[in-house]
C-alpha atoms as a PDB file:
ATOM      1  CA  MET A   1     -18.371 170.714  61.181  1.00  0.00           C
ATOM      2  CA  VAL A   2     -19.748 168.403  58.512  1.00  0.00           C
ATOM      3  CA  SER A   3     -22.976 170.361  58.337  1.00  0.00           C
ATOM      4  CA  CYS A   4     -21.186 173.677  57.841  1.00  0.00           C
ATOM      5  CA  ILE A   5     -19.014 172.154  55.017  1.00  0.00           C
ATOM      6  CA  ILE A   6     -22.174 170.674  53.304  1.00  0.00           C
ATOM      7  CA  ILE A   7     -24.155 173.961  53.612  1.00  0.00           C
ATOM      8  CA  ALA A   8     -21.205 176.046  52.423  1.00  0.00           C
ATOM      9  CA  ILE A   9     -20.663 173.727  49.295  1.00  0.00           C
ATOM     10  CA  GLY A  10     -24.322 173.791  48.676  1.00  0.00           C
ATOM     11  CA  LEU A  11     -24.662 177.533  48.856  1.00  0.00           C
ATOM     12  CA  LEU A  12     -21.847 178.009  46.445  1.00  0.00           C
ATOM     13  CA  LEU A  13     -22.876 175.383  43.928  1.00  0.00           C
ATOM     14  CA  THR A  14     -26.574 176.642  44.117  1.00  0.00           C
ATOM     15  CA  LEU A  15     -25.541 180.324  43.408  1.00  0.00           C
ATOM     16  CA  MET A  16     -23.438 179.265  40.421  1.00  0.00           C
ATOM     17  CA  SER A  17     -26.118 177.146  39.013  1.00  0.00           C
ATOM     18  CA  ILE A  18     -28.715 179.812  39.297  1.00  0.00           C
ATOM     19  CA  CYS A  19     -26.434 182.177  37.282  1.00  0.00           C
ATOM     20  CA  ALA A  20     -25.798 179.442  34.704  1.00  0.00           C
ATOM     21  CA  VAL A  21     -29.544 178.476  34.225  1.00  0.00           C
ATOM     22  CA  TYR A  22     -30.599 182.161  33.984  1.00  0.00           C
ATOM     23  CA  SER A  23     -28.446 182.310  30.898  1.00  0.00           C
ATOM     24  CA  LEU A  24     -30.642 179.631  29.437  1.00  0.00           C
ATOM     25  CA  VAL A  25     -33.765 181.636  30.362  1.00  0.00           C
ATOM     26  CA  ARG A  26     -32.828 184.394  28.042  1.00  0.00           C
ATOM     27  CA  LYS A  27     -32.602 181.838  25.267  1.00  0.00           C
ATOM     28  CA  ASP A  28     -36.350 181.231  25.664  1.00  0.00           C
ATOM     29  CA  HIS A  29     -35.987 177.766  27.465  1.00  0.00           C
ATOM     30  CA  VAL A  30     -39.281 177.819  29.426  1.00  0.00           C
ATOM     31  CA  VAL A  31     -38.282 174.894  31.736  1.00  0.00           C
ATOM     32  CA  SER A  32     -35.304 176.989  32.787  1.00  0.00           C
ATOM     33  CA  ILE A  33     -37.676 179.307  34.628  1.00  0.00           C
ATOM     34  CA  TYR A  34     -38.885 176.454  36.741  1.00  0.00           C
ATOM     35  CA  VAL A  35     -35.410 175.243  37.505  1.00  0.00           C
ATOM     36  CA  VAL A  36     -34.379 178.710  38.505  1.00  0.00           C
ATOM     37  CA  ASN A  37     -37.219 179.037  40.896  1.00  0.00           C
ATOM     38  CA  LEU A  38     -36.368 175.438  42.219  1.00  0.00           C
ATOM     39  CA  LEU A  39     -32.785 176.490  42.928  1.00  0.00           C
ATOM     40  CA  ILE A  40     -33.867 179.649  44.681  1.00  0.00           C
ATOM     41  CA  SER A  41     -36.118 177.599  46.962  1.00  0.00           C
ATOM     42  CA  ASP A  42     -32.985 175.396  47.584  1.00  0.00           C
ATOM     43  CA  LEU A  43     -30.990 178.578  48.422  1.00  0.00           C
ATOM     44  CA  ILE A  44     -33.673 179.487  50.858  1.00  0.00           C
ATOM     45  CA  GLN A  45     -33.602 176.172  52.488  1.00  0.00           C
ATOM     46  CA  TYR A  46     -29.794 176.377  53.011  1.00  0.00           C
ATOM     47  CA  CYS A  47     -30.177 179.856  54.635  1.00  0.00           C
ATOM     48  CA  CYS A  48     -32.721 178.157  56.973  1.00  0.00           C
ATOM     49  CA  LEU A  49     -30.421 175.315  57.735  1.00  0.00           C
ATOM     50  CA  ILE A  50     -27.630 177.819  58.711  1.00  0.00           C
ATOM     51  CA  LEU A  51     -29.933 179.156  61.349  1.00  0.00           C
ATOM     52  CA  ALA A  52     -30.674 175.693  62.654  1.00  0.00           C
ATOM     53  CA  VAL A  53     -27.050 174.707  62.707  1.00  0.00           C
ATOM     54  CA  THR A  54     -25.843 177.842  64.456  1.00  0.00           C
ATOM     55  CA  GLY A  55     -28.230 177.278  67.356  1.00  0.00           C
ATOM     56  CA  SER A  56     -30.414 180.441  67.215  1.00  0.00           C
ATOM     57  CA  ASP A  57     -32.842 181.372  69.774  1.00  0.00           C
ATOM     58  CA  PHE A  58     -36.331 179.769  69.915  1.00  0.00           C
ATOM     59  CA  VAL A  59     -38.244 182.414  68.054  1.00  0.00           C
ATOM     60  CA  LEU A  60     -35.641 182.689  65.206  1.00  0.00           C
ATOM     61  CA  PHE A  61     -35.472 179.000  64.881  1.00  0.00           C
ATOM     62  CA  GLY A  62     -39.376 178.850  64.709  1.00  0.00           C
ATOM     63  CA  ILE A  63     -39.374 181.442  61.881  1.00  0.00           C
ATOM     64  CA  ALA A  64     -36.515 179.510  60.128  1.00  0.00           C
ATOM     65  CA  LEU A  65     -38.596 176.250  60.276  1.00  0.00           C
ATOM     66  CA  LEU A  66     -41.505 177.970  58.959  1.00  0.00           C
ATOM     67  CA  ILE A  67     -39.720 179.466  55.973  1.00  0.00           C
ATOM     68  CA  TYR A  68     -37.851 176.006  55.405  1.00  0.00           C
ATOM     69  CA  ILE A  69     -41.288 174.166  55.204  1.00  0.00           C
ATOM     70  CA  ILE A  70     -42.634 176.666  52.809  1.00  0.00           C
ATOM     71  CA  SER A  71     -39.581 176.550  50.544  1.00  0.00           C
ATOM     72  CA  LEU A  72     -39.738 172.666  50.731  1.00  0.00           C
ATOM     73  CA  MET A  73     -43.419 172.889  49.480  1.00  0.00           C
ATOM     74  CA  VAL A  74     -42.405 175.375  46.808  1.00  0.00           C
ATOM     75  CA  SER A  75     -39.599 173.090  45.572  1.00  0.00           C
ATOM     76  CA  VAL A  76     -41.978 170.135  45.210  1.00  0.00           C
ATOM     77  CA  GLY A  77     -44.403 172.375  43.358  1.00  0.00           C
ATOM     78  CA  PHE A  78     -41.798 173.311  40.980  1.00  0.00           C
ATOM     79  CA  MET A  79     -40.645 169.586  40.437  1.00  0.00           C
ATOM     80  CA  VAL A  80     -44.222 169.063  39.206  1.00  0.00           C
ATOM     81  CA  CYS A  81     -44.195 172.182  37.062  1.00  0.00           C
ATOM     82  CA  ILE A  82     -40.848 170.654  35.298  1.00  0.00           C
ATOM     83  CA  ALA A  83     -42.368 167.310  34.796  1.00  0.00           C
ATOM     84  CA  LEU A  84     -45.699 169.035  33.445  1.00  0.00           C
ATOM     85  CA  GLU A  85     -43.817 171.344  30.996  1.00  0.00           C
ATOM     86  CA  ARG A  86     -41.663 168.398  29.506  1.00  0.00           C
ATOM     87  CA  TYR A  87     -45.074 166.424  29.141  1.00  0.00           C
ATOM     88  CA  LEU A  88     -46.804 169.399  27.438  1.00  0.00           C
ATOM     89  CA  LEU A  89     -43.909 170.073  25.177  1.00  0.00           C
ATOM     90  CA  ILE A  90     -44.465 166.618  23.518  1.00  0.00           C
ATOM     91  CA  ALA A  91     -48.198 165.990  24.166  1.00  0.00           C
ATOM     92  CA  CYS A  92     -49.395 169.725  23.446  1.00  0.00           C
ATOM     93  CA  PRO A  93     -46.587 171.570  21.600  1.00  0.00           C
ATOM     94  CA  LEU A  94     -48.630 174.648  20.951  1.00  0.00           C
ATOM     95  CA  TRP A  95     -48.678 175.296  24.664  1.00  0.00           C
ATOM     96  CA  TYR A  96     -44.940 175.805  24.553  1.00  0.00           C
ATOM     97  CA  CYS A  97     -45.189 178.989  22.572  1.00  0.00           C
ATOM     98  CA  PHE A  98     -46.699 180.669  25.635  1.00  0.00           C
ATOM     99  CA  ARG A  99     -43.679 181.450  27.540  1.00  0.00           C
ATOM    100  CA  GLU A 100     -45.480 184.111  29.695  1.00  0.00           C
ATOM    101  CA  SER A 101     -47.502 181.374  31.303  1.00  0.00           C
ATOM    102  CA  SER A 102     -44.480 180.016  33.036  1.00  0.00           C
ATOM    103  CA  VAL A 103     -43.845 183.214  34.831  1.00  0.00           C
ATOM    104  CA  VAL A 104     -47.618 183.214  35.974  1.00  0.00           C
ATOM    105  CA  VAL A 105     -47.351 179.766  37.173  1.00  0.00           C
ATOM    106  CA  SER A 106     -44.068 180.423  39.010  1.00  0.00           C
ATOM    107  CA  VAL A 107     -45.754 183.377  40.883  1.00  0.00           C
ATOM    108  CA  VAL A 108     -48.889 181.185  41.670  1.00  0.00           C
ATOM    109  CA  VAL A 109     -46.573 178.268  43.092  1.00  0.00           C
ATOM    110  CA  TRP A 110     -44.740 180.655  45.508  1.00  0.00           C
ATOM    111  CA  ILE A 111     -48.057 182.412  46.596  1.00  0.00           C
ATOM    112  CA  LEU A 112     -50.159 179.300  46.958  1.00  0.00           C
ATOM    113  CA  SER A 113     -47.400 177.395  48.954  1.00  0.00           C
ATOM    114  CA  SER A 114     -46.944 180.349  51.352  1.00  0.00           C
ATOM    115  CA  VAL A 115     -50.577 180.943  51.868  1.00  0.00           C
ATOM    116  CA  SER A 116     -51.422 177.403  52.244  1.00  0.00           C
ATOM    117  CA  PHE A 117     -48.926 176.714  55.064  1.00  0.00           C
ATOM    118  CA  LEU A 118     -49.684 180.014  56.791  1.00  0.00           C
ATOM    119  CA  THR A 119     -53.187 179.090  56.814  1.00  0.00           C
ATOM    120  CA  LEU A 120     -52.406 175.797  58.422  1.00  0.00           C
ATOM    121  CA  CYS A 121     -50.404 177.594  61.104  1.00  0.00           C
ATOM    122  CA  VAL A 122     -53.350 179.766  61.943  1.00  0.00           C
ATOM    123  CA  LEU A 123     -55.334 176.380  62.652  1.00  0.00           C
ATOM    124  CA  GLN A 124     -52.748 175.818  65.456  1.00  0.00           C
ATOM    125  CA  ASP A 125     -53.424 172.138  65.320  1.00  0.00           C
ATOM    126  CA  VAL A 126     -50.093 170.266  65.022  1.00  0.00           C
ATOM    127  CA  PHE A 127     -51.602 166.974  64.161  1.00  0.00           C
ATOM    128  CA  ILE A 128     -53.953 168.451  61.315  1.00  0.00           C
ATOM    129  CA  THR A 129     -51.062 170.444  59.863  1.00  0.00           C
ATOM    130  CA  GLN A 130     -48.663 167.300  59.836  1.00  0.00           C
ATOM    131  CA  ILE A 131     -51.436 165.239  58.013  1.00  0.00           C
ATOM    132  CA  ILE A 132     -52.133 168.004  55.520  1.00  0.00           C
ATOM    133  CA  ILE A 133     -48.409 168.705  54.873  1.00  0.00           C
ATOM    134  CA  GLY A 134     -47.778 164.999  54.413  1.00  0.00           C
ATOM    135  CA  THR A 135     -50.664 164.755  51.847  1.00  0.00           C
ATOM    136  CA  PHE A 136     -49.449 167.848  50.016  1.00  0.00           C
ATOM    137  CA  LEU A 137     -45.913 166.279  49.765  1.00  0.00           C
ATOM    138  CA  LEU A 138     -47.241 162.859  48.734  1.00  0.00           C
ATOM    139  CA  LEU A 139     -49.681 164.111  45.948  1.00  0.00           C
ATOM    140  CA  PRO A 140     -47.089 164.895  43.231  1.00  0.00           C
ATOM    141  CA  LEU A 141     -46.082 161.227  43.240  1.00  0.00           C
ATOM    142  CA  PRO A 142     -48.788 159.872  40.988  1.00  0.00           C
ATOM    143  CA  LEU A 143     -48.533 163.186  38.866  1.00  0.00           C
ATOM    144  CA  LEU A 144     -44.957 162.654  38.305  1.00  0.00           C
ATOM    145  CA  ILE A 145     -45.349 158.982  37.228  1.00  0.00           C
ATOM    146  CA  PHE A 146     -48.207 160.018  34.950  1.00  0.00           C
ATOM    147  CA  PHE A 147     -46.063 162.714  33.213  1.00  0.00           C
ATOM    148  CA  LEU A 148     -43.224 160.265  32.779  1.00  0.00           C
ATOM    149  CA  GLY A 149     -45.458 157.439  31.318  1.00  0.00           C
ATOM    150  CA  GLY A 150     -47.418 159.956  29.173  1.00  0.00           C
ATOM    151  CA  THR A 151     -44.216 161.511  27.868  1.00  0.00           C
ATOM    152  CA  ILE A 152     -42.724 158.255  26.927  1.00  0.00           C
ATOM    153  CA  ARG A 153     -46.000 157.267  25.043  1.00  0.00           C
ATOM    154  CA  ALA A 154     -46.008 160.634  23.255  1.00  0.00           C
ATOM    155  CA  LEU A 155     -42.353 160.390  22.242  1.00  0.00           C
ATOM    156  CA  SER A 156     -43.019 157.118  20.607  1.00  0.00           C
ATOM    157  CA  ALA A 157     -45.142 158.876  18.064  1.00  0.00           C
ATOM    158  CA  SER A 158     -43.388 162.094  17.689  1.00  0.00           C
ATOM    159  CA  HIS A 159     -40.536 163.140  15.310  1.00  0.00           C
ATOM    160  CA  VAL A 160     -38.370 164.646  18.008  1.00  0.00           C
ATOM    161  CA  PRO A 161     -34.559 163.874  17.435  1.00  0.00           C
ATOM    162  CA  ALA A 162     -33.219 160.883  19.289  1.00  0.00           C
ATOM    163  CA  ASP A 163     -30.733 163.033  21.495  1.00  0.00           C
ATOM    164  CA  GLU A 164     -33.744 165.332  22.535  1.00  0.00           C
ATOM    165  CA  LYS A 165     -35.972 162.248  23.508  1.00  0.00           C
ATOM    166  CA  ARG A 166     -33.204 160.870  25.677  1.00  0.00           C
ATOM    167  CA  ARG A 167     -32.838 164.224  27.458  1.00  0.00           C
ATOM    168  CA  ILE A 168     -36.382 164.808  27.980  1.00  0.00           C
ATOM    169  CA  ILE A 169     -36.866 161.216  29.484  1.00  0.00           C
ATOM    170  CA  ALA A 170     -33.659 161.714  31.496  1.00  0.00           C
ATOM    171  CA  ILE A 171     -34.967 164.905  32.924  1.00  0.00           C
ATOM    172  CA  LEU A 172     -38.341 163.358  34.017  1.00  0.00           C
ATOM    173  CA  VAL A 173     -36.766 160.327  35.564  1.00  0.00           C
ATOM    174  CA  LEU A 174     -34.247 162.707  37.456  1.00  0.00           C
ATOM    175  CA  VAL A 175     -37.179 164.701  38.835  1.00  0.00           C
ATOM    176  CA  LEU A 176     -38.926 161.700  39.922  1.00  0.00           C
ATOM    177  CA  LEU A 177     -35.705 160.442  41.807  1.00  0.00           C
ATOM    178  CA  ILE A 178     -34.934 163.829  43.361  1.00  0.00           C
ATOM    179  CA  TYR A 179     -38.491 164.100  44.465  1.00  0.00           C
ATOM    180  CA  THR A 180     -38.387 160.534  46.024  1.00  0.00           C
ATOM    181  CA  LEU A 181     -35.140 161.343  47.790  1.00  0.00           C
ATOM    182  CA  ARG A 182     -36.408 164.701  49.204  1.00  0.00           C
ATOM    183  CA  LEU A 183     -39.536 162.898  50.326  1.00  0.00           C
ATOM    184  CA  LEU A 184     -37.775 160.091  52.092  1.00  0.00           C
ATOM    185  CA  SER A 185     -35.140 162.346  53.688  1.00  0.00           C
ATOM    186  CA  SER A 186     -37.813 164.583  55.116  1.00  0.00           C
ATOM    187  CA  PHE A 187     -39.897 161.716  56.512  1.00  0.00           C
ATOM    188  CA  ILE A 188     -36.782 159.733  57.794  1.00  0.00           C
ATOM    189  CA  PHE A 189     -35.701 162.885  59.616  1.00  0.00           C
ATOM    190  CA  CYS A 190     -39.041 163.448  61.185  1.00  0.00           C
ATOM    191  CA  MET A 191     -39.473 159.793  62.282  1.00  0.00           C
ATOM    192  CA  ALA A 192     -35.899 159.694  63.466  1.00  0.00           C
ATOM    193  CA  LYS A 193     -36.180 162.807  65.481  1.00  0.00           C
ATOM    194  CA  MET A 194     -39.265 161.121  67.321  1.00  0.00           C
ATOM    195  CA  ASN A 195     -38.307 157.456  67.719  1.00  0.00           C
ATOM    196  CA  SER A 196     -34.552 156.762  66.977  1.00  0.00           C
ATOM    197  CA  PRO A 197     -31.391 156.949  68.877  1.00  0.00           C
ATOM    198  CA  ARG A 198     -29.555 160.201  69.421  1.00  0.00           C
ATOM    199  CA  HIS A 199     -26.964 159.706  66.594  1.00  0.00           C
ATOM    200  CA  PHE A 200     -29.448 158.772  63.862  1.00  0.00           C
ATOM    201  CA  PRO A 201     -31.340 162.204  63.781  1.00  0.00           C
ATOM    202  CA  TYR A 202     -28.053 163.766  62.779  1.00  0.00           C
ATOM    203  CA  LEU A 203     -27.370 161.341  60.076  1.00  0.00           C
ATOM    204  CA  ALA A 204     -31.008 161.936  58.751  1.00  0.00           C
ATOM    205  CA  PHE A 205     -30.207 165.762  58.946  1.00  0.00           C
ATOM    206  CA  VAL A 206     -27.277 165.270  56.771  1.00  0.00           C
ATOM    207  CA  PHE A 207     -29.401 163.690  54.150  1.00  0.00           C
ATOM    208  CA  VAL A 208     -31.805 166.561  54.435  1.00  0.00           C
ATOM    209  CA  MET A 209     -28.985 168.969  53.741  1.00  0.00           C
ATOM    210  CA  LEU A 210     -27.766 166.895  50.906  1.00  0.00           C
ATOM    211  CA  SER A 211     -31.106 166.494  48.964  1.00  0.00           C
ATOM    212  CA  PRO A 212     -31.141 170.029  47.533  1.00  0.00           C
ATOM    213  CA  LEU A 213     -27.696 169.187  45.957  1.00  0.00           C
ATOM    214  CA  ALA A 214     -29.556 166.716  43.750  1.00  0.00           C
ATOM    215  CA  ASP A 215     -31.418 169.560  42.047  1.00  0.00           C
ATOM    216  CA  LEU A 216     -28.159 170.728  40.574  1.00  0.00           C
ATOM    217  CA  LEU A 217     -28.172 167.693  38.280  1.00  0.00           C
ATOM    218  CA  LEU A 218     -31.037 169.239  36.511  1.00  0.00           C
ATOM    219  CA  TYR A 219     -28.774 171.978  35.093  1.00  0.00           C
ATOM    220  CA  VAL A 220     -26.393 169.390  33.902  1.00  0.00           C
ATOM    221  CA  PHE A 221     -29.138 167.399  32.050  1.00  0.00           C
ATOM    222  CA  MET A 222     -30.374 170.389  30.403  1.00  0.00           C
ATOM    223  CA  ARG A 223     -27.100 171.191  28.802  1.00  0.00           C
ATOM    224  CA  LYS A 224     -26.357 169.714  25.260  1.00  0.00           C
ATOM    225  CA  GLY A 225     -23.059 168.003  24.719  1.00  0.00           C
ATOM    226  CA  THR A 226     -21.402 165.671  27.238  1.00  0.00           C
ATOM    227  CA  ILE A 227     -24.542 164.484  28.903  1.00  0.00           C
ATOM    228  CA  ASP A 228     -25.857 163.509  25.384  1.00  0.00           C
ATOM    229  CA  LYS A 229     -22.960 161.277  24.894  1.00  0.00           C
ATOM    230  CA  PHE A 230     -23.310 159.594  28.280  1.00  0.00           C
ATOM    231  CA  LEU A 231     -27.201 159.101  27.687  1.00  0.00           C
ATOM    232  CA  ALA A 232     -26.394 157.695  24.264  1.00  0.00           C
ATOM    233  CA  SER A 233     -23.836 155.304  25.550  1.00  0.00           C
ATOM    234  CA  VAL A 234     -26.438 154.099  28.285  1.00  0.00           C
ATOM    235  CA  CYS A 235     -28.961 153.465  25.631  1.00  0.00           C
ATOM    236  CA  CYS A 236     -26.333 151.720  23.531  1.00  0.00           C
ATOM    237  CA  CYS A 237     -25.366 149.473  26.382  1.00  0.00           C
ATOM    238  CA  ARG A 238     -29.031 148.642  26.994  1.00  0.00           C
ATOM    239  CA  MET A 239     -29.539 147.906  23.356  1.00  0.00           C
ATOM    240  CA  ASP A 240     -26.494 145.664  23.308  1.00  0.00           C
ATOM    241  CA  SER A 241     -27.738 143.775  26.368  1.00  0.00           C
ATOM    242  CA  ASN A 242     -31.080 143.209  24.744  1.00  0.00           C
ATOM    243  CA  ASP A 243     -29.520 141.843  21.655  1.00  0.00           C
ATOM    244  CA  ILE A 244     -27.468 139.447  23.685  1.00  0.00           C
ATOM    245  CA  CYS A 245     -30.628 138.373  25.566  1.00  0.00           C
ATOM    246  CA  ASN A 246     -32.522 137.888  22.215  1.00  0.00           C
ATOM    247  CA  SER A 247     -29.714 135.938  20.664  1.00  0.00           C
ATOM    248  CA  THR A 248     -29.585 133.489  23.539  1.00  0.00           C
ATOM    249  CA  VAL A 249     -33.225 132.752  23.434  1.00  0.00           C
END
């Protein structure tokens, strides 16, 4: 029952977010193209989870698991694309003019993820496949950290408005947190399925279902307005705490 409620809410909110972000794509927001693709991969994951929850036959369940893993790899790929786009926006502003490249990159991510996993399935070696998938999911971590650090460095020397700086950094931090949540939930579920008590895998499965919901926050941080006031208040609180610390020294 809990699984059905989470999936239903996730499907509804993801569809609404896709429609909302698509309106930003038409306003030449390049990063929105990657966010739309990320949300589409989340939508596919929820459809696969429906098949898993409804207790489909073995063949259909296997196909759903295959598609789920591919969509998971796609979502990780687009997280890297979002972080890279924010980094290039500051470090190489001229690249941002080439909007068409984002469409090409999106197609490449979908094709590369699908072909890579299908190639691993042909090998029919479960152990090697698990190692390669685990490596693929871990590789983005140093990239996301590098893009965050490089963007913060580049922003210190740029003339970008303060509210835009806060939004760019917030999106990069959010992408890193979402990636970590998704990575941990996937690994916890796999480990719990093999080694833990019967009730724990279900709890881990709930986290797997909840992790795509975190991607919806990217749309919130892309919108100007309320989130800018929130980020400004956070920065002001941090500055005030630093001032208090400096005054006490």
